[in-house]
Amino acid sequence: MTNRDSKLSSQEIQQTLAALSSGWKAVGQTKINKTFGFENFKAAILFVNEVALLAEAAAHHPDIIINYSKVTLELSTHSARGLTVKDFELAKKIEALKLGRE
């Protein structure tokens, strides 16, 4: 794979996406997203707060949409105008966080 800040090719995106748990989807060649479901609004907000801490530590921030008990996270590297290794690294950390809450 390439340097962490380099834009990934279509093939690299598909290969790296396949290594993530189910539910992550590519949005064109520039973003990946996933919607997570929770018992209620409070649980969704607690998850968002934990994601925010991960994002701050990584200096890489997702777009977040909260719809009652659902949270959609969208990852992209704006400086690369596409997807980089950093997006997939954060997605893996988010998955580990979600698994730890179940």
PDB file of N, CA and C in Angstrom:
ATOM      1  N   MET A   1       0.840  -1.180   0.000  1.00  0.00           N
ATOM      2  CA  MET A   1       0.000   0.000   0.000  1.00  0.00           C
ATOM      3  C   MET A   1       0.884   1.242   0.000  1.00  0.00           C
ATOM      4  N   THR A   2       0.293   2.366  -0.240  1.00  0.00           N
ATOM      5  CA  THR A   2       1.032   3.617  -0.387  1.00  0.00           C
ATOM      6  C   THR A   2       1.194   4.338   0.944  1.00  0.00           C
ATOM      7  N   ASN A   3       1.847   5.468   0.901  1.00  0.00           N
ATOM      8  CA  ASN A   3       2.005   6.336   2.070  1.00  0.00           C
ATOM      9  C   ASN A   3       0.626   6.715   2.616  1.00  0.00           C
ATOM     10  N   ARG A   4       0.526   6.938   3.917  1.00  0.00           N
ATOM     11  CA  ARG A   4      -0.761   7.162   4.597  1.00  0.00           C
ATOM     12  C   ARG A   4      -1.538   8.356   4.073  1.00  0.00           C
ATOM     13  N   ASP A   5      -0.865   9.351   3.485  1.00  0.00           N
ATOM     14  CA  ASP A   5      -1.541  10.551   3.001  1.00  0.00           C
ATOM     15  C   ASP A   5      -1.836  10.522   1.504  1.00  0.00           C
ATOM     16  N   SER A   6      -1.420   9.469   0.828  1.00  0.00           N
ATOM     17  CA  SER A   6      -1.637   9.373  -0.617  1.00  0.00           C
ATOM     18  C   SER A   6      -3.018   8.814  -0.924  1.00  0.00           C
ATOM     19  N   LYS A   7      -3.632   9.368  -1.929  1.00  0.00           N
ATOM     20  CA  LYS A   7      -4.946   8.910  -2.376  1.00  0.00           C
ATOM     21  C   LYS A   7      -4.827   7.477  -2.899  1.00  0.00           C
ATOM     22  N   LEU A   8      -5.740   6.624  -2.471  1.00  0.00           N
ATOM     23  CA  LEU A   8      -5.733   5.227  -2.886  1.00  0.00           C
ATOM     24  C   LEU A   8      -6.356   5.062  -4.265  1.00  0.00           C
ATOM     25  N   SER A   9      -5.885   4.056  -4.989  1.00  0.00           N
ATOM     26  CA  SER A   9      -6.458   3.723  -6.296  1.00  0.00           C
ATOM     27  C   SER A   9      -7.770   2.968  -6.084  1.00  0.00           C
ATOM     28  N   SER A  10      -8.537   2.815  -7.141  1.00  0.00           N
ATOM     29  CA  SER A  10      -9.800   2.063  -7.069  1.00  0.00           C
ATOM     30  C   SER A  10      -9.561   0.648  -6.569  1.00  0.00           C
ATOM     31  N   GLN A  11      -8.523   0.018  -7.075  1.00  0.00           N
ATOM     32  CA  GLN A  11      -8.210  -1.354  -6.669  1.00  0.00           C
ATOM     33  C   GLN A  11      -7.828  -1.409  -5.188  1.00  0.00           C
ATOM     34  N   GLU A  12      -7.020  -0.470  -4.731  1.00  0.00           N
ATOM     35  CA  GLU A  12      -6.632  -0.431  -3.314  1.00  0.00           C
ATOM     36  C   GLU A  12      -7.847  -0.195  -2.423  1.00  0.00           C
ATOM     37  N   ILE A  13      -8.759   0.664  -2.873  1.00  0.00           N
ATOM     38  CA  ILE A  13      -9.977   0.925  -2.099  1.00  0.00           C
ATOM     39  C   ILE A  13     -10.784  -0.354  -1.944  1.00  0.00           C
ATOM     40  N   GLN A  14     -11.000  -1.071  -3.040  1.00  0.00           N
ATOM     41  CA  GLN A  14     -11.808  -2.293  -2.986  1.00  0.00           C
ATOM     42  C   GLN A  14     -11.152  -3.360  -2.113  1.00  0.00           C
ATOM     43  N   GLN A  15      -9.837  -3.514  -2.231  1.00  0.00           N
ATOM     44  CA  GLN A  15      -9.128  -4.512  -1.417  1.00  0.00           C
ATOM     45  C   GLN A  15      -9.202  -4.163   0.069  1.00  0.00           C
ATOM     46  N   THR A  16      -8.991  -2.903   0.385  1.00  0.00           N
ATOM     47  CA  THR A  16      -8.989  -2.479   1.782  1.00  0.00           C
ATOM     48  C   THR A  16     -10.397  -2.507   2.357  1.00  0.00           C
ATOM     49  N   LEU A  17     -11.380  -2.145   1.559  1.00  0.00           N
ATOM     50  CA  LEU A  17     -12.779  -2.180   1.984  1.00  0.00           C
ATOM     51  C   LEU A  17     -13.205  -3.612   2.305  1.00  0.00           C
ATOM     52  N   ALA A  18     -12.742  -4.564   1.507  1.00  0.00           N
ATOM     53  CA  ALA A  18     -13.093  -5.970   1.726  1.00  0.00           C
ATOM     54  C   ALA A  18     -12.558  -6.485   3.061  1.00  0.00           C
ATOM     55  N   ALA A  19     -11.492  -5.872   3.564  1.00  0.00           N
ATOM     56  CA  ALA A  19     -10.904  -6.304   4.837  1.00  0.00           C
ATOM     57  C   ALA A  19     -11.670  -5.767   6.050  1.00  0.00           C
ATOM     58  N   LEU A  20     -12.536  -4.774   5.840  1.00  0.00           N
ATOM     59  CA  LEU A  20     -13.344  -4.235   6.940  1.00  0.00           C
ATOM     60  C   LEU A  20     -14.542  -5.135   7.191  1.00  0.00           C
ATOM     61  N   SER A  21     -15.139  -5.007   8.365  1.00  0.00           N
ATOM     62  CA  SER A  21     -16.352  -5.770   8.638  1.00  0.00           C
ATOM     63  C   SER A  21     -17.488  -5.259   7.758  1.00  0.00           C
ATOM     64  N   SER A  22     -18.521  -6.045   7.657  1.00  0.00           N
ATOM     65  CA  SER A  22     -19.615  -5.706   6.747  1.00  0.00           C
ATOM     66  C   SER A  22     -20.294  -4.396   7.127  1.00  0.00           C
ATOM     67  N   GLY A  23     -20.889  -3.790   6.134  1.00  0.00           N
ATOM     68  CA  GLY A  23     -21.634  -2.560   6.360  1.00  0.00           C
ATOM     69  C   GLY A  23     -20.933  -1.324   5.841  1.00  0.00           C
ATOM     70  N   TRP A  24     -19.606  -1.360   5.715  1.00  0.00           N
ATOM     71  CA  TRP A  24     -18.880  -0.223   5.154  1.00  0.00           C
ATOM     72  C   TRP A  24     -19.066  -0.232   3.647  1.00  0.00           C
ATOM     73  N   LYS A  25     -19.365   0.928   3.089  1.00  0.00           N
ATOM     74  CA  LYS A  25     -19.604   1.050   1.647  1.00  0.00           C
ATOM     75  C   LYS A  25     -18.784   2.195   1.085  1.00  0.00           C
ATOM     76  N   ALA A  26     -18.299   2.004  -0.126  1.00  0.00           N
ATOM     77  CA  ALA A  26     -17.610   3.089  -0.825  1.00  0.00           C
ATOM     78  C   ALA A  26     -18.656   4.001  -1.444  1.00  0.00           C
ATOM     79  N   VAL A  27     -18.415   5.291  -1.353  1.00  0.00           N
ATOM     80  CA  VAL A  27     -19.251   6.298  -2.003  1.00  0.00           C
ATOM     81  C   VAL A  27     -18.361   6.886  -3.090  1.00  0.00           C
ATOM     82  N   GLY A  28     -18.504   6.340  -4.288  1.00  0.00           N
ATOM     83  CA  GLY A  28     -17.593   6.723  -5.355  1.00  0.00           C
ATOM     84  C   GLY A  28     -16.181   6.313  -4.971  1.00  0.00           C
ATOM     85  N   GLN A  29     -15.222   7.140  -5.300  1.00  0.00           N
ATOM     86  CA  GLN A  29     -13.821   6.875  -4.963  1.00  0.00           C
ATOM     87  C   GLN A  29     -13.324   7.820  -3.873  1.00  0.00           C
ATOM     88  N   THR A  30     -14.262   8.542  -3.245  1.00  0.00           N
ATOM     89  CA  THR A  30     -13.825   9.594  -2.326  1.00  0.00           C
ATOM     90  C   THR A  30     -14.217   9.394  -0.866  1.00  0.00           C
ATOM     91  N   LYS A  31     -15.143   8.487  -0.574  1.00  0.00           N
ATOM     92  CA  LYS A  31     -15.628   8.340   0.801  1.00  0.00           C
ATOM     93  C   LYS A  31     -16.007   6.896   1.078  1.00  0.00           C
ATOM     94  N   ILE A  32     -15.984   6.543   2.363  1.00  0.00           N
ATOM     95  CA  ILE A  32     -16.610   5.301   2.819  1.00  0.00           C
ATOM     96  C   ILE A  32     -17.560   5.680   3.945  1.00  0.00           C
ATOM     97  N   ASN A  33     -18.635   4.902   4.080  1.00  0.00           N
ATOM     98  CA  ASN A  33     -19.555   5.181   5.176  1.00  0.00           C
ATOM     99  C   ASN A  33     -20.160   3.904   5.722  1.00  0.00           C
ATOM    100  N   LYS A  34     -20.705   4.042   6.908  1.00  0.00           N
ATOM    101  CA  LYS A  34     -21.413   2.939   7.549  1.00  0.00           C
ATOM    102  C   LYS A  34     -22.412   3.522   8.530  1.00  0.00           C
ATOM    103  N   THR A  35     -23.575   2.873   8.624  1.00  0.00           N
ATOM    104  CA  THR A  35     -24.595   3.257   9.596  1.00  0.00           C
ATOM    105  C   THR A  35     -24.621   2.212  10.704  1.00  0.00           C
ATOM    106  N   PHE A  36     -24.549   2.690  11.930  1.00  0.00           N
ATOM    107  CA  PHE A  36     -24.572   1.842  13.119  1.00  0.00           C
ATOM    108  C   PHE A  36     -25.904   2.044  13.834  1.00  0.00           C
ATOM    109  N   GLY A  37     -26.500   0.956  14.311  1.00  0.00           N
ATOM    110  CA  GLY A  37     -27.759   1.041  15.043  1.00  0.00           C
ATOM    111  C   GLY A  37     -27.546   0.829  16.538  1.00  0.00           C
ATOM    112  N   PHE A  38     -28.367   1.510  17.344  1.00  0.00           N
ATOM    113  CA  PHE A  38     -28.268   1.435  18.802  1.00  0.00           C
ATOM    114  C   PHE A  38     -29.656   1.287  19.410  1.00  0.00           C
ATOM    115  N   GLU A  39     -29.699   0.972  20.700  1.00  0.00           N
ATOM    116  CA  GLU A  39     -30.970   0.800  21.405  1.00  0.00           C
ATOM    117  C   GLU A  39     -31.785   2.081  21.453  1.00  0.00           C
ATOM    118  N   ASN A  40     -31.091   3.209  21.624  1.00  0.00           N
ATOM    119  CA  ASN A  40     -31.794   4.472  21.805  1.00  0.00           C
ATOM    120  C   ASN A  40     -30.846   5.638  21.502  1.00  0.00           C
ATOM    121  N   PHE A  41     -31.363   6.833  21.637  1.00  0.00           N
ATOM    122  CA  PHE A  41     -30.597   8.048  21.352  1.00  0.00           C
ATOM    123  C   PHE A  41     -29.385   8.183  22.272  1.00  0.00           C
ATOM    124  N   LYS A  42     -29.579   7.896  23.550  1.00  0.00           N
ATOM    125  CA  LYS A  42     -28.481   8.028  24.511  1.00  0.00           C
ATOM    126  C   LYS A  42     -27.304   7.128  24.134  1.00  0.00           C
ATOM    127  N   ALA A  43     -27.585   5.891  23.767  1.00  0.00           N
ATOM    128  CA  ALA A  43     -26.521   4.960  23.369  1.00  0.00           C
ATOM    129  C   ALA A  43     -25.816   5.453  22.104  1.00  0.00           C
ATOM    130  N   ALA A  44     -26.584   6.015  21.188  1.00  0.00           N
ATOM    131  CA  ALA A  44     -25.997   6.556  19.956  1.00  0.00           C
ATOM    132  C   ALA A  44     -25.049   7.709  20.269  1.00  0.00           C
ATOM    133  N   ILE A  45     -25.466   8.591  21.155  1.00  0.00           N
ATOM    134  CA  ILE A  45     -24.637   9.747  21.522  1.00  0.00           C
ATOM    135  C   ILE A  45     -23.376   9.306  22.265  1.00  0.00           C
ATOM    136  N   LEU A  46     -23.490   8.321  23.137  1.00  0.00           N
ATOM    137  CA  LEU A  46     -22.305   7.807  23.833  1.00  0.00           C
ATOM    138  C   LEU A  46     -21.287   7.266  22.831  1.00  0.00           C
ATOM    139  N   PHE A  47     -21.772   6.552  21.815  1.00  0.00           N
ATOM    140  CA  PHE A  47     -20.899   6.035  20.758  1.00  0.00           C
ATOM    141  C   PHE A  47     -20.229   7.183  20.002  1.00  0.00           C
ATOM    142  N   VAL A  48     -21.003   8.198  19.647  1.00  0.00           N
ATOM    143  CA  VAL A  48     -20.451   9.355  18.930  1.00  0.00           C
ATOM    144  C   VAL A  48     -19.354  10.022  19.758  1.00  0.00           C
ATOM    145  N   ASN A  49     -19.571  10.153  21.051  1.00  0.00           N
ATOM    146  CA  ASN A  49     -18.548  10.751  21.916  1.00  0.00           C
ATOM    147  C   ASN A  49     -17.259   9.930  21.915  1.00  0.00           C
ATOM    148  N   GLU A  50     -17.389   8.614  21.919  1.00  0.00           N
ATOM    149  CA  GLU A  50     -16.208   7.753  21.881  1.00  0.00           C
ATOM    150  C   GLU A  50     -15.502   7.847  20.528  1.00  0.00           C
ATOM    151  N   VAL A  51     -16.283   7.921  19.454  1.00  0.00           N
ATOM    152  CA  VAL A  51     -15.703   8.100  18.116  1.00  0.00           C
ATOM    153  C   VAL A  51     -14.959   9.432  18.048  1.00  0.00           C
ATOM    154  N   ALA A  52     -15.524  10.460  18.659  1.00  0.00           N
ATOM    155  CA  ALA A  52     -14.878  11.780  18.659  1.00  0.00           C
ATOM    156  C   ALA A  52     -13.503  11.715  19.320  1.00  0.00           C
ATOM    157  N   LEU A  53     -13.381  10.960  20.400  1.00  0.00           N
ATOM    158  CA  LEU A  53     -12.085  10.814  21.064  1.00  0.00           C
ATOM    159  C   LEU A  53     -11.080  10.097  20.167  1.00  0.00           C
ATOM    160  N   LEU A  54     -11.534   9.041  19.486  1.00  0.00           N
ATOM    161  CA  LEU A  54     -10.662   8.343  18.531  1.00  0.00           C
ATOM    162  C   LEU A  54     -10.224   9.281  17.410  1.00  0.00           C
ATOM    163  N   ALA A  55     -11.171  10.036  16.888  1.00  0.00           N
ATOM    164  CA  ALA A  55     -10.889  10.945  15.775  1.00  0.00           C
ATOM    165  C   ALA A  55      -9.893  12.023  16.186  1.00  0.00           C
ATOM    166  N   GLU A  56     -10.065  12.569  17.372  1.00  0.00           N
ATOM    167  CA  GLU A  56      -9.131  13.589  17.863  1.00  0.00           C
ATOM    168  C   GLU A  56      -7.733  13.009  18.011  1.00  0.00           C
ATOM    169  N   ALA A  57      -7.642  11.813  18.572  1.00  0.00           N
ATOM    170  CA  ALA A  57      -6.337  11.172  18.763  1.00  0.00           C
ATOM    171  C   ALA A  57      -5.648  10.906  17.427  1.00  0.00           C
ATOM    172  N   ALA A  58      -6.441  10.597  16.405  1.00  0.00           N
ATOM    173  CA  ALA A  58      -5.892  10.314  15.072  1.00  0.00           C
ATOM    174  C   ALA A  58      -5.728  11.580  14.234  1.00  0.00           C
ATOM    175  N   ALA A  59      -6.254  12.701  14.722  1.00  0.00           N
ATOM    176  CA  ALA A  59      -6.277  13.957  13.948  1.00  0.00           C
ATOM    177  C   ALA A  59      -6.921  13.722  12.584  1.00  0.00           C
ATOM    178  N   HIS A  60      -8.007  12.945  12.617  1.00  0.00           N
ATOM    179  CA  HIS A  60      -8.727  12.593  11.387  1.00  0.00           C
ATOM    180  C   HIS A  60     -10.206  12.494  11.758  1.00  0.00           C
ATOM    181  N   HIS A  61     -11.028  13.368  11.215  1.00  0.00           N
ATOM    182  CA  HIS A  61     -12.392  13.543  11.717  1.00  0.00           C
ATOM    183  C   HIS A  61     -13.446  13.130  10.693  1.00  0.00           C
ATOM    184  N   PRO A  62     -14.345  12.220  11.081  1.00  0.00           N
ATOM    185  CA  PRO A  62     -15.415  11.795  10.178  1.00  0.00           C
ATOM    186  C   PRO A  62     -16.563  12.804  10.158  1.00  0.00           C
ATOM    187  N   ASP A  63     -17.349  12.744   9.109  1.00  0.00           N
ATOM    188  CA  ASP A  63     -18.636  13.431   9.114  1.00  0.00           C
ATOM    189  C   ASP A  63     -19.588  12.502   9.854  1.00  0.00           C
ATOM    190  N   ILE A  64     -20.415  13.073  10.715  1.00  0.00           N
ATOM    191  CA  ILE A  64     -21.296  12.280  11.574  1.00  0.00           C
ATOM    192  C   ILE A  64     -22.734  12.752  11.409  1.00  0.00           C
ATOM    193  N   ILE A  65     -23.625  11.793  11.145  1.00  0.00           N
ATOM    194  CA  ILE A  65     -25.058  12.082  11.063  1.00  0.00           C
ATOM    195  C   ILE A  65     -25.740  11.243  12.137  1.00  0.00           C
ATOM    196  N   ILE A  66     -26.498  11.903  13.004  1.00  0.00           N
ATOM    197  CA  ILE A  66     -27.219  11.208  14.071  1.00  0.00           C
ATOM    198  C   ILE A  66     -28.708  11.289  13.762  1.00  0.00           C
ATOM    199  N   ASN A  67     -29.349  10.134  13.710  1.00  0.00           N
ATOM    200  CA  ASN A  67     -30.781  10.066  13.466  1.00  0.00           C
ATOM    201  C   ASN A  67     -31.384   9.148  14.527  1.00  0.00           C
ATOM    202  N   TYR A  68     -31.743   9.728  15.662  1.00  0.00           N
ATOM    203  CA  TYR A  68     -32.257   9.044  16.844  1.00  0.00           C
ATOM    204  C   TYR A  68     -31.336   7.908  17.276  1.00  0.00           C
ATOM    205  N   SER A  69     -31.623   6.666  16.899  1.00  0.00           N
ATOM    206  CA  SER A  69     -30.812   5.538  17.360  1.00  0.00           C
ATOM    207  C   SER A  69     -29.847   5.031  16.288  1.00  0.00           C
ATOM    208  N   LYS A  70     -29.659   5.812  15.239  1.00  0.00           N
ATOM    209  CA  LYS A  70     -28.731   5.437  14.169  1.00  0.00           C
ATOM    210  C   LYS A  70     -27.671   6.519  14.010  1.00  0.00           C
ATOM    211  N   VAL A  71     -26.446   6.066  13.785  1.00  0.00           N
ATOM    212  CA  VAL A  71     -25.326   6.978  13.561  1.00  0.00           C
ATOM    213  C   VAL A  71     -24.660   6.573  12.254  1.00  0.00           C
ATOM    214  N   THR A  72     -24.564   7.510  11.334  1.00  0.00           N
ATOM    215  CA  THR A  72     -23.852   7.267  10.085  1.00  0.00           C
ATOM    216  C   THR A  72     -22.535   8.023  10.136  1.00  0.00           C
ATOM    217  N   LEU A  73     -21.462   7.291   9.885  1.00  0.00           N
ATOM    218  CA  LEU A  73     -20.128   7.882   9.845  1.00  0.00           C
ATOM    219  C   LEU A  73     -19.632   7.848   8.410  1.00  0.00           C
ATOM    220  N   GLU A  74     -19.074   8.948   7.968  1.00  0.00           N
ATOM    221  CA  GLU A  74     -18.533   9.044   6.619  1.00  0.00           C
ATOM    222  C   GLU A  74     -17.084   9.496   6.733  1.00  0.00           C
ATOM    223  N   LEU A  75     -16.188   8.717   6.144  1.00  0.00           N
ATOM    224  CA  LEU A  75     -14.757   8.991   6.224  1.00  0.00           C
ATOM    225  C   LEU A  75     -14.202   9.359   4.859  1.00  0.00           C
ATOM    226  N   SER A  76     -13.348  10.359   4.852  1.00  0.00           N
ATOM    227  CA  SER A  76     -12.673  10.818   3.643  1.00  0.00           C
ATOM    228  C   SER A  76     -11.482  11.658   4.083  1.00  0.00           C
ATOM    229  N   THR A  77     -10.471  11.722   3.242  1.00  0.00           N
ATOM    230  CA  THR A  77      -9.330  12.591   3.529  1.00  0.00           C
ATOM    231  C   THR A  77      -9.443  13.798   2.613  1.00  0.00           C
ATOM    232  N   HIS A  78      -9.881  14.900   3.179  1.00  0.00           N
ATOM    233  CA  HIS A  78     -10.154  16.100   2.384  1.00  0.00           C
ATOM    234  C   HIS A  78      -8.910  16.613   1.672  1.00  0.00           C
ATOM    235  N   SER A  79      -7.760  16.562   2.336  1.00  0.00           N
ATOM    236  CA  SER A  79      -6.527  17.073   1.722  1.00  0.00           C
ATOM    237  C   SER A  79      -6.110  16.257   0.499  1.00  0.00           C
ATOM    238  N   ALA A  80      -6.482  14.972   0.458  1.00  0.00           N
ATOM    239  CA  ALA A  80      -6.159  14.112  -0.684  1.00  0.00           C
ATOM    240  C   ALA A  80      -7.290  14.087  -1.703  1.00  0.00           C
ATOM    241  N   ARG A  81      -8.423  14.684  -1.336  1.00  0.00           N
ATOM    242  CA  ARG A  81      -9.624  14.651  -2.178  1.00  0.00           C
ATOM    243  C   ARG A  81     -10.019  13.221  -2.544  1.00  0.00           C
ATOM    244  N   GLY A  82      -9.945  12.375  -1.537  1.00  0.00           N
ATOM    245  CA  GLY A  82     -10.294  10.975  -1.741  1.00  0.00           C
ATOM    246  C   GLY A  82     -10.011  10.167  -0.496  1.00  0.00           C
ATOM    247  N   LEU A  83      -9.841   8.884  -0.693  1.00  0.00           N
ATOM    248  CA  LEU A  83      -9.597   7.962   0.412  1.00  0.00           C
ATOM    249  C   LEU A  83      -8.110   7.666   0.554  1.00  0.00           C
ATOM    250  N   THR A  84      -7.668   7.605   1.798  1.00  0.00           N
ATOM    251  CA  THR A  84      -6.283   7.254   2.101  1.00  0.00           C
ATOM    252  C   THR A  84      -6.280   6.150   3.148  1.00  0.00           C
ATOM    253  N   VAL A  85      -5.104   5.661   3.453  1.00  0.00           N
ATOM    254  CA  VAL A  85      -4.958   4.642   4.492  1.00  0.00           C
ATOM    255  C   VAL A  85      -5.548   5.134   5.810  1.00  0.00           C
ATOM    256  N   LYS A  86      -5.440   6.430   6.084  1.00  0.00           N
ATOM    257  CA  LYS A  86      -5.953   6.988   7.344  1.00  0.00           C
ATOM    258  C   LYS A  86      -7.448   6.724   7.517  1.00  0.00           C
ATOM    259  N   ASP A  87      -8.208   6.761   6.427  1.00  0.00           N
ATOM    260  CA  ASP A  87      -9.652   6.510   6.519  1.00  0.00           C
ATOM    261  C   ASP A  87      -9.927   5.082   6.969  1.00  0.00           C
ATOM    262  N   PHE A  88      -9.193   4.143   6.404  1.00  0.00           N
ATOM    263  CA  PHE A  88      -9.407   2.743   6.742  1.00  0.00           C
ATOM    264  C   PHE A  88      -8.861   2.403   8.131  1.00  0.00           C
ATOM    265  N   GLU A  89      -7.790   3.064   8.537  1.00  0.00           N
ATOM    266  CA  GLU A  89      -7.282   2.870   9.898  1.00  0.00           C
ATOM    267  C   GLU A  89      -8.310   3.333  10.924  1.00  0.00           C
ATOM    268  N   LEU A  90      -8.923   4.488  10.677  1.00  0.00           N
ATOM    269  CA  LEU A  90      -9.942   4.984  11.603  1.00  0.00           C
ATOM    270  C   LEU A  90     -11.172   4.079  11.581  1.00  0.00           C
ATOM    271  N   ALA A  91     -11.561   3.593  10.410  1.00  0.00           N
ATOM    272  CA  ALA A  91     -12.706   2.682  10.318  1.00  0.00           C
ATOM    273  C   ALA A  91     -12.465   1.430  11.161  1.00  0.00           C
ATOM    274  N   LYS A  92     -11.253   0.886  11.120  1.00  0.00           N
ATOM    275  CA  LYS A  92     -10.930  -0.302  11.923  1.00  0.00           C
ATOM    276  C   LYS A  92     -11.020   0.003  13.415  1.00  0.00           C
ATOM    277  N   LYS A  93     -10.553   1.168  13.817  1.00  0.00           N
ATOM    278  CA  LYS A  93     -10.629   1.556  15.231  1.00  0.00           C
ATOM    279  C   LYS A  93     -12.083   1.733  15.665  1.00  0.00           C
ATOM    280  N   ILE A  94     -12.903   2.287  14.785  1.00  0.00           N
ATOM    281  CA  ILE A  94     -14.329   2.459  15.080  1.00  0.00           C
ATOM    282  C   ILE A  94     -14.995   1.094  15.222  1.00  0.00           C
ATOM    283  N   GLU A  95     -14.646   0.159  14.351  1.00  0.00           N
ATOM    284  CA  GLU A  95     -15.197  -1.196  14.439  1.00  0.00           C
ATOM    285  C   GLU A  95     -14.822  -1.844  15.769  1.00  0.00           C
ATOM    286  N   ALA A  96     -13.578  -1.700  16.178  1.00  0.00           N
ATOM    287  CA  ALA A  96     -13.135  -2.275  17.456  1.00  0.00           C
ATOM    288  C   ALA A  96     -13.897  -1.645  18.618  1.00  0.00           C
ATOM    289  N   LEU A  97     -14.126  -0.351  18.533  1.00  0.00           N
ATOM    290  CA  LEU A  97     -14.897   0.359  19.554  1.00  0.00           C
ATOM    291  C   LEU A  97     -16.316  -0.194  19.622  1.00  0.00           C
ATOM    292  N   LYS A  98     -16.950  -0.364  18.485  1.00  0.00           N
ATOM    293  CA  LYS A  98     -18.329  -0.869  18.434  1.00  0.00           C
ATOM    294  C   LYS A  98     -18.389  -2.292  18.977  1.00  0.00           C
ATOM    295  N   LEU A  99     -17.440  -3.120  18.599  1.00  0.00           N
ATOM    296  CA  LEU A  99     -17.427  -4.500  19.094  1.00  0.00           C
ATOM    297  C   LEU A  99     -17.247  -4.545  20.607  1.00  0.00           C
ATOM    298  N   GLY A 100     -16.466  -3.635  21.137  1.00  0.00           N
ATOM    299  CA  GLY A 100     -16.250  -3.567  22.576  1.00  0.00           C
ATOM    300  C   GLY A 100     -17.481  -3.136  23.349  1.00  0.00           C
ATOM    301  N   ARG A 101     -18.451  -2.523  22.659  1.00  0.00           N
ATOM    302  CA  ARG A 101     -19.677  -2.056  23.313  1.00  0.00           C
ATOM    303  C   ARG A 101     -20.771  -3.120  23.279  1.00  0.00           C
ATOM    304  N   GLU A 102     -20.590  -4.167  22.507  1.00  0.00           N
ATOM    305  CA  GLU A 102     -21.655  -5.178  22.364  1.00  0.00           C
ATOM    306  C   GLU A 102     -21.565  -6.251  23.419  1.00  0.00           C
TER     307      GLU A 102
END
